C-alpha atoms as a PDB file:
ATOM      1  CA  MET A   1     -25.726   9.192  11.729  1.00  0.00           C
ATOM      2  CA  TYR A   2     -26.342   5.482  10.768  1.00  0.00           C
ATOM      3  CA  ASN A   3     -23.046   3.798   9.857  1.00  0.00           C
ATOM      4  CA  PHE A   4     -23.531   0.125   8.880  1.00  0.00           C
ATOM      5  CA  SER A   5     -19.971  -1.047   8.870  1.00  0.00           C
ATOM      6  CA  GLN A   6     -20.701  -4.785   8.208  1.00  0.00           C
ATOM      7  CA  ILE A   7     -23.304  -4.116   5.439  1.00  0.00           C
ATOM      8  CA  THR A   8     -22.524  -3.638   1.689  1.00  0.00           C
ATOM      9  CA  LEU A   9     -25.509  -1.942  -0.400  1.00  0.00           C
ATOM     10  CA  LEU A  10     -25.862  -3.744  -3.560  1.00  0.00           C
ATOM     11  CA  VAL A  11     -27.696  -1.966  -6.401  1.00  0.00           C
ATOM     12  CA  THR A  12     -28.676  -3.606  -9.629  1.00  0.00           C
ATOM     13  CA  HIS A  13     -28.849  -1.060 -12.317  1.00  0.00           C
ATOM     14  CA  PHE A  14     -29.890  -0.928 -16.094  1.00  0.00           C
ATOM     15  CA  ASN A  15     -30.593   2.410 -18.031  1.00  0.00           C
ATOM     16  CA  ARG A  16     -32.054   4.278 -14.988  1.00  0.00           C
ATOM     17  CA  SER A  17     -29.080   6.293 -13.940  1.00  0.00           C
ATOM     18  CA  ARG A  18     -31.282   9.218 -12.736  1.00  0.00           C
ATOM     19  CA  SER A  19     -33.405   6.709 -10.625  1.00  0.00           C
ATOM     20  CA  LEU A  20     -30.097   5.556  -9.282  1.00  0.00           C
ATOM     21  CA  GLU A  21     -29.156   9.051  -8.247  1.00  0.00           C
ATOM     22  CA  ASN A  22     -32.463   9.378  -6.355  1.00  0.00           C
ATOM     23  CA  LEU A  23     -31.873   6.230  -4.442  1.00  0.00           C
ATOM     24  CA  LEU A  24     -28.299   7.135  -3.339  1.00  0.00           C
ATOM     25  CA  GLN A  25     -29.622  10.760  -2.601  1.00  0.00           C
ATOM     26  CA  SER A  26     -32.248   9.285  -0.151  1.00  0.00           C
ATOM     27  CA  PHE A  27     -29.719   7.277   1.771  1.00  0.00           C
ATOM     28  CA  GLU A  28     -27.447  10.407   1.950  1.00  0.00           C
ATOM     29  CA  ALA A  29     -30.241  12.594   3.182  1.00  0.00           C
ATOM     30  CA  LEU A  30     -30.953   9.995   5.989  1.00  0.00           C
ATOM     31  CA  ASN A  31     -27.456  10.113   7.018  1.00  0.00           C
ATOM     32  CA  CYS A  32     -27.202   6.239   6.205  1.00  0.00           C
ATOM     33  CA  SER A  33     -23.797   4.949   5.178  1.00  0.00           C
ATOM     34  CA  PHE A  34     -22.436   1.593   4.438  1.00  0.00           C
ATOM     35  CA  ALA A  35     -19.045  -0.300   4.358  1.00  0.00           C
ATOM     36  CA  ASP A  36     -19.340  -0.362   0.698  1.00  0.00           C
ATOM     37  CA  ILE A  37     -21.690   0.347  -2.244  1.00  0.00           C
ATOM     38  CA  VAL A  38     -21.551  -1.887  -5.225  1.00  0.00           C
ATOM     39  CA  ILE A  39     -23.592  -0.779  -8.578  1.00  0.00           C
ATOM     40  CA  SER A  40     -23.908  -3.824 -10.685  1.00  0.00           C
ATOM     41  CA  ASP A  41     -24.737  -2.614 -14.090  1.00  0.00           C
ATOM     42  CA  ASP A  42     -26.202  -4.804 -16.891  1.00  0.00           C
ATOM     43  CA  GLY A  43     -24.796  -3.381 -19.969  1.00  0.00           C
ATOM     44  CA  SER A  44     -26.539   0.087 -19.938  1.00  0.00           C
ATOM     45  CA  LYS A  45     -26.540   2.506 -22.771  1.00  0.00           C
ATOM     46  CA  HIS A  46     -23.396   5.001 -22.990  1.00  0.00           C
ATOM     47  CA  GLU A  47     -25.532   7.996 -21.748  1.00  0.00           C
ATOM     48  CA  HIS A  48     -26.217   6.090 -18.395  1.00  0.00           C
ATOM     49  CA  LEU A  49     -22.710   4.929 -17.966  1.00  0.00           C
ATOM     50  CA  HIS A  50     -21.452   8.494 -18.596  1.00  0.00           C
ATOM     51  CA  TYR A  51     -23.961   9.703 -15.604  1.00  0.00           C
ATOM     52  CA  ILE A  52     -22.808   6.960 -13.341  1.00  0.00           C
ATOM     53  CA  ASN A  53     -19.333   8.202 -13.813  1.00  0.00           C
ATOM     54  CA  VAL A  54     -20.516  11.533 -12.649  1.00  0.00           C
ATOM     55  CA  LEU A  55     -22.144   9.937  -9.822  1.00  0.00           C
ATOM     56  CA  LYS A  56     -18.800   8.495  -8.771  1.00  0.00           C
ATOM     57  CA  THR A  57     -17.422  11.933  -8.176  1.00  0.00           C
ATOM     58  CA  LYS A  58     -20.179  12.541  -5.612  1.00  0.00           C
ATOM     59  CA  TYR A  59     -20.877   9.086  -3.884  1.00  0.00           C
ATOM     60  CA  PRO A  60     -18.390   6.212  -2.606  1.00  0.00           C
ATOM     61  CA  ILE A  61     -19.620   3.723  -5.129  1.00  0.00           C
ATOM     62  CA  ARG A  62     -17.893   0.839  -6.949  1.00  0.00           C
ATOM     63  CA  VAL A  63     -19.344  -0.013 -10.453  1.00  0.00           C
ATOM     64  CA  ILE A  64     -19.270  -3.507 -11.880  1.00  0.00           C
ATOM     65  CA  GLN A  65     -20.044  -3.304 -15.626  1.00  0.00           C
ATOM     66  CA  ALA A  66     -21.221  -5.902 -18.004  1.00  0.00           C
ATOM     67  CA  VAL A  67     -19.746  -6.086 -21.628  1.00  0.00           C
ATOM     68  CA  GLN A  68     -23.529  -6.726 -22.720  1.00  0.00           C
ATOM     69  CA  ASN A  69     -26.920  -7.115 -21.200  1.00  0.00           C
ATOM     70  CA  LYS A  70     -27.172 -10.711 -19.531  1.00  0.00           C
ATOM     71  CA  GLY A  71     -30.195 -10.469 -17.499  1.00  0.00           C
ATOM     72  CA  LEU A  72     -31.157 -10.105 -13.816  1.00  0.00           C
ATOM     73  CA  GLY A  73     -29.761 -13.449 -12.696  1.00  0.00           C
ATOM     74  CA  ASN A  74     -26.273 -12.716 -14.103  1.00  0.00           C
ATOM     75  CA  ASN A  75     -26.410  -8.916 -12.810  1.00  0.00           C
ATOM     76  CA  ILE A  76     -27.125 -10.023  -9.162  1.00  0.00           C
ATOM     77  CA  ASN A  77     -24.648 -12.811  -9.326  1.00  0.00           C
ATOM     78  CA  LYS A  78     -21.697 -10.608 -10.416  1.00  0.00           C
ATOM     79  CA  GLY A  79     -22.560  -7.846  -7.906  1.00  0.00           C
ATOM     80  CA  GLN A  80     -22.929 -10.228  -5.022  1.00  0.00           C
ATOM     81  CA  ASP A  81     -19.475 -11.925  -5.865  1.00  0.00           C
ATOM     82  CA  GLU A  82     -17.921  -8.224  -5.297  1.00  0.00           C
ATOM     83  CA  VAL A  83     -19.363  -8.234  -1.612  1.00  0.00           C
ATOM     84  CA  ARG A  84     -16.761  -8.366   1.160  1.00  0.00           C
ATOM     85  CA  THR A  85     -19.019  -7.823   4.355  1.00  0.00           C
ATOM     86  CA  PRO A  86     -21.084 -10.308   6.392  1.00  0.00           C
ATOM     87  CA  TYR A  87     -24.360  -8.642   5.135  1.00  0.00           C
ATOM     88  CA  THR A  88     -25.815  -7.273   1.977  1.00  0.00           C
ATOM     89  CA  LEU A  89     -28.730  -4.719   1.606  1.00  0.00           C
ATOM     90  CA  TYR A  90     -30.012  -5.729  -1.867  1.00  0.00           C
ATOM     91  CA  VAL A  91     -32.018  -2.698  -3.588  1.00  0.00           C
ATOM     92  CA  GLN A  92     -33.098  -2.183  -7.164  1.00  0.00           C
ATOM     93  CA  GLU A  93     -32.293   1.187  -8.568  1.00  0.00           C
ATOM     94  CA  ASP A  94     -36.044   2.361  -8.928  1.00  0.00           C
ATOM     95  CA  PHE A  95     -36.505   2.481  -5.010  1.00  0.00           C
ATOM     96  CA  GLU A  96     -36.095   5.393  -2.633  1.00  0.00           C
ATOM     97  CA  ALA A  97     -35.489   4.978   1.185  1.00  0.00           C
ATOM     98  CA  LEU A  98     -37.966   6.712   3.679  1.00  0.00           C
ATOM     99  CA  PRO A  99     -37.140   8.383   6.935  1.00  0.00           C
ATOM    100  CA  ILE A 100     -37.701   5.375   9.254  1.00  0.00           C
ATOM    101  CA  PHE A 101     -35.640   2.970   7.104  1.00  0.00           C
ATOM    102  CA  PRO A 102     -32.403   3.424   8.839  1.00  0.00           C
ATOM    103  CA  GLN A 103     -33.709   2.488  12.150  1.00  0.00           C
ATOM    104  CA  LYS A 104     -35.549  -0.536  10.920  1.00  0.00           C
ATOM    105  CA  LEU A 105     -32.194  -1.591   9.156  1.00  0.00           C
ATOM    106  CA  ALA A 106     -30.593  -1.376  12.493  1.00  0.00           C
ATOM    107  CA  ASP A 107     -33.216  -3.357  14.094  1.00  0.00           C
ATOM    108  CA  SER A 108     -32.798  -5.891  11.193  1.00  0.00           C
ATOM    109  CA  PHE A 109     -29.144  -6.183  11.747  1.00  0.00           C
ATOM    110  CA  LYS A 110     -29.836  -6.969  15.430  1.00  0.00           C
ATOM    111  CA  PHE A 111     -32.396  -9.652  14.647  1.00  0.00           C
ATOM    112  CA  MET A 112     -29.852 -11.217  12.302  1.00  0.00           C
ATOM    113  CA  GLU A 113     -26.829 -10.915  14.573  1.00  0.00           C
ATOM    114  CA  ASP A 114     -29.012 -12.457  17.486  1.00  0.00           C
ATOM    115  CA  ASP A 115     -30.452 -15.280  15.606  1.00  0.00           C
ATOM    116  CA  ARG A 116     -27.958 -16.902  13.252  1.00  0.00           C
ATOM    117  CA  SER A 117     -30.633 -19.005  11.536  1.00  0.00           C
ATOM    118  CA  LEU A 118     -32.373 -16.030   9.932  1.00  0.00           C
ATOM    119  CA  ASP A 119     -31.314 -15.724   6.334  1.00  0.00           C
ATOM    120  CA  ILE A 120     -33.114 -12.627   5.081  1.00  0.00           C
ATOM    121  CA  ILE A 121     -35.314  -9.672   6.059  1.00  0.00           C
ATOM    122  CA  ARG A 122     -37.606  -8.290   3.700  1.00  0.00           C
ATOM    123  CA  PHE A 123     -38.484  -4.430   3.437  1.00  0.00           C
ATOM    124  CA  TRP A 124     -40.748  -4.184   0.556  1.00  0.00           C
ATOM    125  CA  ALA A 125     -43.475  -6.273  -1.296  1.00  0.00           C
ATOM    126  CA  TYR A 126     -46.244  -5.765  -3.894  1.00  0.00           C
ATOM    127  CA  SER A 127     -48.580  -7.427  -1.183  1.00  0.00           C
ATOM    128  CA  PRO A 128     -48.181  -8.607   2.341  1.00  0.00           C
ATOM    129  CA  TYR A 129     -46.830 -12.140   3.030  1.00  0.00           C
ATOM    130  CA  PRO A 130     -49.856 -14.298   3.868  1.00  0.00           C
ATOM    131  CA  TYR A 131     -48.540 -16.164   7.025  1.00  0.00           C
ATOM    132  CA  LEU A 132     -46.981 -13.812   9.614  1.00  0.00           C
ATOM    133  CA  GLU A 133     -46.168 -14.433  13.278  1.00  0.00           C
ATOM    134  CA  PRO A 134     -45.120 -11.187  15.063  1.00  0.00           C
ATOM    135  CA  VAL A 135     -41.631 -11.008  16.428  1.00  0.00           C
ATOM    136  CA  GLY A 136     -41.564  -7.406  17.650  1.00  0.00           C
ATOM    137  CA  LYS A 137     -40.370  -3.753  16.391  1.00  0.00           C
ATOM    138  CA  GLY A 138     -42.840  -4.115  13.684  1.00  0.00           C
ATOM    139  CA  PHE A 139     -41.373  -7.330  12.088  1.00  0.00           C
ATOM    140  CA  SER A 140     -43.032 -10.711  11.769  1.00  0.00           C
ATOM    141  CA  GLU A 141     -41.569 -14.064  10.870  1.00  0.00           C
ATOM    142  CA  MET A 142     -42.631 -15.540   7.587  1.00  0.00           C
ATOM    143  CA  LYS A 143     -44.053 -19.134   7.923  1.00  0.00           C
ATOM    144  CA  ILE A 144     -44.792 -22.014   5.424  1.00  0.00           C
ATOM    145  CA  LYS A 145     -47.627 -23.597   7.280  1.00  0.00           C
ATOM    146  CA  PRO A 146     -48.691 -27.317   6.463  1.00  0.00           C
ATOM    147  CA  PHE A 147     -51.319 -27.302   3.772  1.00  0.00           C
ATOM    148  CA  ALA A 148     -51.113 -23.538   3.431  1.00  0.00           C
ATOM    149  CA  THR A 149     -53.666 -22.714   0.413  1.00  0.00           C
ATOM    150  CA  ASP A 150     -52.519 -19.156  -0.354  1.00  0.00           C
ATOM    151  CA  TYR A 151     -50.075 -19.678  -3.215  1.00  0.00           C
ATOM    152  CA  THR A 152     -48.313 -16.370  -2.584  1.00  0.00           C
ATOM    153  CA  LYS A 153     -46.454 -18.164   0.038  1.00  0.00           C
ATOM    154  CA  ILE A 154     -44.034 -18.753  -2.667  1.00  0.00           C
ATOM    155  CA  TYR A 155     -42.857 -15.276  -1.947  1.00  0.00           C
ATOM    156  CA  CYS A 156     -41.095 -15.959   1.190  1.00  0.00           C
ATOM    157  CA  TYR A 157     -38.121 -14.782  -0.850  1.00  0.00           C
ATOM    158  CA  GLY A 158     -38.564 -11.551  -3.141  1.00  0.00           C
ATOM    159  CA  ASP A 159     -36.112  -9.567  -5.130  1.00  0.00           C
ATOM    160  CA  THR A 160     -37.637  -6.344  -3.654  1.00  0.00           C
ATOM    161  CA  PRO A 161     -35.353  -4.716  -1.052  1.00  0.00           C
ATOM    162  CA  HIS A 162     -34.090  -7.084   1.619  1.00  0.00           C
ATOM    163  CA  LEU A 163     -31.125  -7.699   3.973  1.00  0.00           C
ATOM    164  CA  ARG A 164     -29.562 -10.996   3.713  1.00  0.00           C
ATOM    165  CA  ARG A 165     -26.448 -12.725   4.630  1.00  0.00           C
ATOM    166  CA  SER A 166     -23.624 -12.462   2.111  1.00  0.00           C
ATOM    167  CA  ASN A 167     -23.122 -16.181   1.915  1.00  0.00           C
ATOM    168  CA  PHE A 168     -26.621 -16.423   0.530  1.00  0.00           C
ATOM    169  CA  PHE A 169     -25.515 -18.505  -2.501  1.00  0.00           C
ATOM    170  CA  GLU A 170     -23.934 -21.154  -0.134  1.00  0.00           C
ATOM    171  CA  ARG A 171     -27.307 -22.022   1.176  1.00  0.00           C
ATOM    172  CA  PHE A 172     -29.621 -21.319  -1.730  1.00  0.00           C
ATOM    173  CA  GLY A 173     -27.311 -21.348  -4.932  1.00  0.00           C
ATOM    174  CA  ARG A 174     -26.684 -18.764  -7.257  1.00  0.00           C
ATOM    175  CA  TYR A 175     -29.480 -16.935  -9.410  1.00  0.00           C
ATOM    176  CA  ALA A 176     -30.477 -18.614 -12.556  1.00  0.00           C
ATOM    177  CA  GLU A 177     -29.211 -17.019 -15.465  1.00  0.00           C
ATOM    178  CA  GLY A 178     -30.462 -16.633 -19.164  1.00  0.00           C
ATOM    179  CA  LEU A 179     -34.020 -16.586 -18.122  1.00  0.00           C
ATOM    180  CA  SER A 180     -36.645 -13.588 -17.724  1.00  0.00           C
ATOM    181  CA  GLY A 181     -36.480 -11.657 -14.372  1.00  0.00           C
ATOM    182  CA  ASP A 182     -39.763 -13.357 -13.205  1.00  0.00           C
ATOM    183  CA  ARG A 183     -38.375 -16.691 -13.792  1.00  0.00           C
ATOM    184  CA  THR A 184     -35.135 -15.917 -12.183  1.00  0.00           C
ATOM    185  CA  GLU A 185     -36.906 -14.723  -8.997  1.00  0.00           C
ATOM    186  CA  TYR A 186     -39.374 -17.807  -9.070  1.00  0.00           C
ATOM    187  CA  LYS A 187     -36.508 -20.252  -9.179  1.00  0.00           C
ATOM    188  CA  MET A 188     -34.947 -18.407  -5.998  1.00  0.00           C
ATOM    189  CA  CYS A 189     -38.284 -18.570  -4.285  1.00  0.00           C
ATOM    190  CA  ILE A 190     -38.388 -22.258  -4.820  1.00  0.00           C
ATOM    191  CA  SER A 191     -34.973 -22.888  -3.601  1.00  0.00           C
ATOM    192  CA  PHE A 192     -35.618 -20.669  -0.490  1.00  0.00           C
ATOM    193  CA  ILE A 193     -38.452 -22.847   0.406  1.00  0.00           C
ATOM    194  CA  GLN A 194     -36.894 -26.101  -0.332  1.00  0.00           C
ATOM    195  CA  ASN A 195     -33.792 -25.394   1.452  1.00  0.00           C
ATOM    196  CA  LYS A 196     -35.827 -24.157   4.625  1.00  0.00           C
ATOM    197  CA  GLY A 197     -34.889 -20.494   4.625  1.00  0.00           C
ATOM    198  CA  ARG A 198     -35.957 -18.447   7.397  1.00  0.00           C
ATOM    199  CA  GLY A 199     -36.804 -14.697   7.254  1.00  0.00           C
ATOM    200  CA  LEU A 200     -38.506 -11.804   8.601  1.00  0.00           C
ATOM    201  CA  PHE A 201     -41.037  -9.344   6.875  1.00  0.00           C
ATOM    202  CA  TYR A 202     -41.636  -5.622   7.962  1.00  0.00           C
ATOM    203  CA  ASN A 203     -45.223  -5.648   8.365  1.00  0.00           C
ATOM    204  CA  GLU A 204     -45.476  -1.746   7.198  1.00  0.00           C
ATOM    205  CA  CYS A 205     -43.256  -1.990   4.435  1.00  0.00           C
ATOM    206  CA  ARG A 206     -44.724   0.779   2.349  1.00  0.00           C
ATOM    207  CA  ASN A 207     -43.190   2.976   4.901  1.00  0.00           C
ATOM    208  CA  LEU A 208     -39.741   2.009   4.272  1.00  0.00           C
ATOM    209  CA  PHE A 209     -39.277   2.732   0.617  1.00  0.00           C
ATOM    210  CA  THR A 210     -41.052   4.412  -2.297  1.00  0.00           C
ATOM    211  CA  HIS A 211     -41.271   2.565  -5.649  1.00  0.00           C
ATOM    212  CA  GLU A 212     -41.714   4.632  -8.756  1.00  0.00           C
ATOM    213  CA  ASN A 213     -40.737   4.626 -12.480  1.00  0.00           C
ATOM    214  CA  SER A 214     -40.548   7.943 -13.996  1.00  0.00           C
ATOM    215  CA  PRO A 215     -41.838   8.375 -17.790  1.00  0.00           C
ATOM    216  CA  SER A 216     -38.227   9.076 -18.571  1.00  0.00           C
ATOM    217  CA  GLU A 217     -36.838   5.934 -17.144  1.00  0.00           C
ATOM    218  CA  PRO A 218     -39.728   3.475 -17.290  1.00  0.00           C
ATOM    219  CA  SER A 219     -39.633  -0.009 -15.978  1.00  0.00           C
ATOM    220  CA  THR A 220     -37.849  -2.560 -18.230  1.00  0.00           C
ATOM    221  CA  MET A 221     -39.692  -5.698 -16.993  1.00  0.00           C
ATOM    222  CA  VAL A 222     -41.951  -7.165 -19.578  1.00  0.00           C
ATOM    223  CA  ARG A 223     -44.710  -9.669 -18.649  1.00  0.00           C
ATOM    224  CA  VAL A 224     -46.854 -12.180 -20.585  1.00  0.00           C
ATOM    225  CA  SER A 225     -50.528 -10.481 -20.744  1.00  0.00           C
ATOM    226  CA  TRP A 226     -52.351 -13.597 -19.499  1.00  0.00           C
ATOM    227  CA  ARG A 227     -50.269 -13.348 -16.144  1.00  0.00           C
ATOM    228  CA  GLN A 228     -51.647  -9.909 -15.599  1.00  0.00           C
ATOM    229  CA  GLY A 229     -55.164  -9.475 -16.907  1.00  0.00           C
ATOM    230  CA  ASN A 230     -58.156  -8.939 -14.586  1.00  0.00           C
ATOM    231  CA  ASN A 231     -60.893 -11.051 -16.499  1.00  0.00           C
ATOM    232  CA  TRP A 232     -62.553 -13.062 -13.821  1.00  0.00           C
ATOM    233  CA  LEU A 233     -62.435 -16.239 -15.678  1.00  0.00           C
ATOM    234  CA  LEU A 234     -58.819 -15.611 -16.437  1.00  0.00           C
ATOM    235  CA  LYS A 235     -57.941 -14.918 -12.871  1.00  0.00           C
ATOM    236  CA  ARG A 236     -59.645 -18.121 -11.774  1.00  0.00           C
ATOM    237  CA  VAL A 237     -57.892 -20.206 -14.391  1.00  0.00           C
ATOM    238  CA  ARG A 238     -54.536 -18.484 -13.401  1.00  0.00           C
ATOM    239  CA  ASN A 239     -54.905 -19.003  -9.784  1.00  0.00           C
ATOM    240  CA  VAL A 240     -55.588 -22.852 -10.019  1.00  0.00           C
ATOM    241  CA  TYR A 241     -52.653 -23.061 -12.333  1.00  0.00           C
ATOM    242  CA  ARG A 242     -50.385 -21.440  -9.817  1.00  0.00           C
ATOM    243  CA  GLN A 243     -51.602 -23.236  -6.963  1.00  0.00           C
ATOM    244  CA  VAL A 244     -51.004 -26.769  -8.727  1.00  0.00           C
ATOM    245  CA  LYS A 245     -47.463 -25.653 -10.101  1.00  0.00           C
ATOM    246  CA  TYR A 246     -46.074 -23.975  -7.243  1.00  0.00           C
ATOM    247  CA  ASN A 247     -46.849 -26.798  -4.894  1.00  0.00           C
ATOM    248  CA  TYR A 248     -45.602 -29.236  -7.357  1.00  0.00           C
ATOM    249  CA  ASP A 249     -42.265 -27.383  -7.667  1.00  0.00           C
ATOM    250  CA  ILE A 250     -41.794 -27.157  -4.026  1.00  0.00           C
ATOM    251  CA  LEU A 251     -42.742 -30.637  -3.089  1.00  0.00           C
ATOM    252  CA  LEU A 252     -41.932 -32.922  -5.824  1.00  0.00           C
ATOM    253  CA  MET A 253     -38.817 -31.210  -7.601  1.00  0.00           C
ATOM    254  CA  PRO A 254     -36.016 -31.111  -4.986  1.00  0.00           C
ATOM    255  CA  GLY A 255     -33.186 -29.287  -6.273  1.00  0.00           C
ATOM    256  CA  LEU A 256     -34.876 -27.401  -9.059  1.00  0.00           C
ATOM    257  CA  ARG A 257     -32.790 -24.276  -8.318  1.00  0.00           C
ATOM    258  CA  ARG A 258     -29.358 -25.965  -8.695  1.00  0.00           C
ATOM    259  CA  ARG A 259     -29.971 -27.398 -11.966  1.00  0.00           C
END
C-alpha cells in the first residue's frame, strides 16, 4: 500500500468523466492513495457532472465546479487553491497510471524532501527534455545550458503529469487565464525559466502513464494547423520562428508571466 499523506492528487476535468474514472481506477488498482483528491471541473455538460456524482460514491474525491467553462488556466488555479498539503500531484483526466508509478512517486517525494530547491518532478512528456544530467533512480535534472540551441528547452515545465510543491504560485505566479491551453502552458514555461525553477525528469516516462483519448471522449484541445503540419518548408520556418521567439521571451521580457 502506497499512502502519500503529504500529497494531494489534483485532476483537471472537462467532459471526460469516463476517462476520469479510468484514471481513478488505475490508482486504486495500484494501491496508491493520497491525502486528498481534488477534481477541478471546467463547466462540463450535465451528463458528465451526473457521472462524477456517481464516482463520488466510489472514490474519496472533492469536486470543485465552475459555473461556466473558463479554460485551462482558471481550472488549474481554482483546483490548486483547494490543496492543503505540501505537495501536489497534477494529472489531467485522460492519463492512467502504470504499475511502477507508485514507487517512482515515492522516489520523487524523497528527492524533493532531501533537496528543498527542487520545484517540480515531471513524469510524462511528448518528447524527452533535451538537456539532462542523471541523478539516480531513473531520474535526471533538467538543465538550461548557456546558448542551448534546442528550443524545446522551453518545456523545463509542462502541464503533463508532475509532482510540484503546493506553493508553486508563490514562485512562478498563477496560470494565465482567458487564453488557449497552449498559450497558458507557454506562459508558465517562460515563468519557470525566468524564475530559475529547478526540476527532475523521469527518463523512461512512457513507463509511468498511458495517455489515450477514446473516440467517445476525444481531446478537446484545438491547435492552429500551421503549428502542426509536416511540410518540410513549414517545419523549417516554424523551427526558426520558435527559436527566435522563445529566446526573446526568456531573455528580454522579464516578468512576462506576471502581467
